[in-house]
């Protein structure tokens, strides 16, 4: 099962790490608790649209880019896996 919150957390954590910022720094800038941000990044909490936007702003990300990235990841996971069957093998 694909959980959107898992993918959102991965995108947010990836952005934070690539910016070499700590959870504490981003949580303070987003005005959320450090524990809450950690849970969002780990996909354990589903942030409201307001809090997600606040976290995105703290990371200098646009909400639309985060959602687009998540949608693309989910699309790739949901894409059917094709298997090649060699009918000549026996």
C-alpha atoms as a PDB file:
ATOM      1  CA  UNK A   1       0.000   0.000   0.000  1.00  0.00           C
ATOM      2  CA  UNK A   2       1.275   3.428  -0.946  1.00  0.00           C
ATOM      3  CA  UNK A   3       1.074   6.003   1.847  1.00  0.00           C
ATOM      4  CA  UNK A   4       1.339   9.596   0.769  1.00  0.00           C
ATOM      5  CA  UNK A   5       2.672  10.670   4.155  1.00  0.00           C
ATOM      6  CA  UNK A   6       5.656   8.335   3.729  1.00  0.00           C
ATOM      7  CA  UNK A   7       6.609   9.930   0.435  1.00  0.00           C
ATOM      8  CA  UNK A   8       6.055  13.454   1.752  1.00  0.00           C
ATOM      9  CA  UNK A   9       8.350  12.682   4.672  1.00  0.00           C
ATOM     10  CA  UNK A  10      11.035  11.330   2.351  1.00  0.00           C
ATOM     11  CA  UNK A  11      10.929  14.446   0.170  1.00  0.00           C
ATOM     12  CA  UNK A  12      11.088  16.775   3.179  1.00  0.00           C
ATOM     13  CA  UNK A  13      13.911  14.850   4.834  1.00  0.00           C
ATOM     14  CA  UNK A  14      15.848  14.692   1.560  1.00  0.00           C
ATOM     15  CA  UNK A  15      15.550  18.455   1.133  1.00  0.00           C
ATOM     16  CA  UNK A  16      16.600  19.138   4.721  1.00  0.00           C
ATOM     17  CA  UNK A  17      19.620  16.847   4.494  1.00  0.00           C
ATOM     18  CA  UNK A  18      20.692  18.253   1.125  1.00  0.00           C
ATOM     19  CA  UNK A  19      20.570  21.719   2.707  1.00  0.00           C
ATOM     20  CA  UNK A  20      22.711  20.397   5.594  1.00  0.00           C
ATOM     21  CA  UNK A  21      20.161  21.635   8.122  1.00  0.00           C
ATOM     22  CA  UNK A  22      19.174  20.042  11.388  1.00  0.00           C
ATOM     23  CA  UNK A  23      15.694  19.044  12.469  1.00  0.00           C
ATOM     24  CA  UNK A  24      15.946  21.703  15.165  1.00  0.00           C
ATOM     25  CA  UNK A  25      16.696  24.476  12.651  1.00  0.00           C
ATOM     26  CA  UNK A  26      13.842  23.557  10.332  1.00  0.00           C
ATOM     27  CA  UNK A  27      11.373  22.949  13.157  1.00  0.00           C
ATOM     28  CA  UNK A  28      12.126  26.385  14.594  1.00  0.00           C
ATOM     29  CA  UNK A  29      11.766  28.082  11.201  1.00  0.00           C
ATOM     30  CA  UNK A  30       8.506  26.221  10.527  1.00  0.00           C
ATOM     31  CA  UNK A  31       7.213  26.867  14.050  1.00  0.00           C
ATOM     32  CA  UNK A  32       6.539  23.199  14.748  1.00  0.00           C
ATOM     33  CA  UNK A  33       7.979  21.007  17.458  1.00  0.00           C
ATOM     34  CA  UNK A  34      11.115  19.055  16.710  1.00  0.00           C
ATOM     35  CA  UNK A  35       9.336  15.802  17.581  1.00  0.00           C
ATOM     36  CA  UNK A  36       6.442  16.576  15.260  1.00  0.00           C
ATOM     37  CA  UNK A  37       8.747  17.373  12.337  1.00  0.00           C
ATOM     38  CA  UNK A  38      10.650  14.163  12.987  1.00  0.00           C
ATOM     39  CA  UNK A  39       7.406  12.165  12.892  1.00  0.00           C
ATOM     40  CA  UNK A  40       6.354  13.868   9.644  1.00  0.00           C
ATOM     41  CA  UNK A  41       9.723  13.059   8.057  1.00  0.00           C
ATOM     42  CA  UNK A  42       9.438   9.421   9.139  1.00  0.00           C
ATOM     43  CA  UNK A  43       5.914   9.187   7.705  1.00  0.00           C
ATOM     44  CA  UNK A  44       4.360   8.608  11.112  1.00  0.00           C
ATOM     45  CA  UNK A  45       2.291  11.799  11.130  1.00  0.00           C
ATOM     46  CA  UNK A  46       0.233  13.288   8.336  1.00  0.00           C
ATOM     47  CA  UNK A  47       0.719  17.047   8.394  1.00  0.00           C
ATOM     48  CA  UNK A  48      -2.222  19.330   7.732  1.00  0.00           C
ATOM     49  CA  UNK A  49      -1.954  21.470   4.616  1.00  0.00           C
ATOM     50  CA  UNK A  50      -1.129  24.507   6.783  1.00  0.00           C
ATOM     51  CA  UNK A  51       1.696  22.757   8.622  1.00  0.00           C
ATOM     52  CA  UNK A  52       3.001  21.150   5.457  1.00  0.00           C
ATOM     53  CA  UNK A  53       3.121  24.559   3.807  1.00  0.00           C
ATOM     54  CA  UNK A  54       4.943  25.985   6.830  1.00  0.00           C
ATOM     55  CA  UNK A  55       7.547  23.197   6.668  1.00  0.00           C
ATOM     56  CA  UNK A  56       7.966  23.725   2.920  1.00  0.00           C
ATOM     57  CA  UNK A  57       8.504  27.460   3.426  1.00  0.00           C
ATOM     58  CA  UNK A  58      11.087  26.746   6.130  1.00  0.00           C
ATOM     59  CA  UNK A  59      12.927  24.547   3.615  1.00  0.00           C
ATOM     60  CA  UNK A  60      12.559  27.099   0.796  1.00  0.00           C
ATOM     61  CA  UNK A  61      10.456  24.620  -1.167  1.00  0.00           C
ATOM     62  CA  UNK A  62       7.207  25.268  -2.949  1.00  0.00           C
ATOM     63  CA  UNK A  63       4.314  23.128  -1.812  1.00  0.00           C
ATOM     64  CA  UNK A  64       3.447  22.421  -5.456  1.00  0.00           C
ATOM     65  CA  UNK A  65       6.940  21.006  -6.130  1.00  0.00           C
ATOM     66  CA  UNK A  66       6.751  18.750  -3.091  1.00  0.00           C
ATOM     67  CA  UNK A  67       3.303  17.461  -4.077  1.00  0.00           C
ATOM     68  CA  UNK A  68       4.432  17.002  -7.688  1.00  0.00           C
ATOM     69  CA  UNK A  69       7.473  15.017  -6.585  1.00  0.00           C
ATOM     70  CA  UNK A  70       5.347  12.855  -4.308  1.00  0.00           C
ATOM     71  CA  UNK A  71       2.792  12.257  -7.070  1.00  0.00           C
ATOM     72  CA  UNK A  72       5.578  11.152  -9.408  1.00  0.00           C
ATOM     73  CA  UNK A  73       6.985   8.726  -6.826  1.00  0.00           C
ATOM     74  CA  UNK A  74       3.545   7.240  -6.226  1.00  0.00           C
ATOM     75  CA  UNK A  75       2.970   6.931  -9.977  1.00  0.00           C
ATOM     76  CA  UNK A  76       6.211   4.983 -10.326  1.00  0.00           C
ATOM     77  CA  UNK A  77       5.237   2.648  -7.488  1.00  0.00           C
ATOM     78  CA  UNK A  78       1.808   2.037  -8.933  1.00  0.00           C
ATOM     79  CA  UNK A  79       3.059   1.421 -12.478  1.00  0.00           C
ATOM     80  CA  UNK A  80       2.524  -2.179 -13.523  1.00  0.00           C
ATOM     81  CA  UNK A  81       5.605  -4.340 -13.501  1.00  0.00           C
ATOM     82  CA  UNK A  82       5.995  -6.136 -16.808  1.00  0.00           C
ATOM     83  CA  UNK A  83       7.573  -9.564 -16.961  1.00  0.00           C
ATOM     84  CA  UNK A  84       9.129 -10.897 -20.142  1.00  0.00           C
ATOM     85  CA  UNK A  85       8.300 -14.514 -20.731  1.00  0.00           C
ATOM     86  CA  UNK A  86      10.512 -16.446 -23.085  1.00  0.00           C
ATOM     87  CA  UNK A  87       8.185 -18.869 -24.853  1.00  0.00           C
ATOM     88  CA  UNK A  88      11.154 -20.504 -26.590  1.00  0.00           C
ATOM     89  CA  UNK A  89      12.768 -21.651 -23.349  1.00  0.00           C
ATOM     90  CA  UNK A  90      11.998 -25.205 -22.366  1.00  0.00           C
END
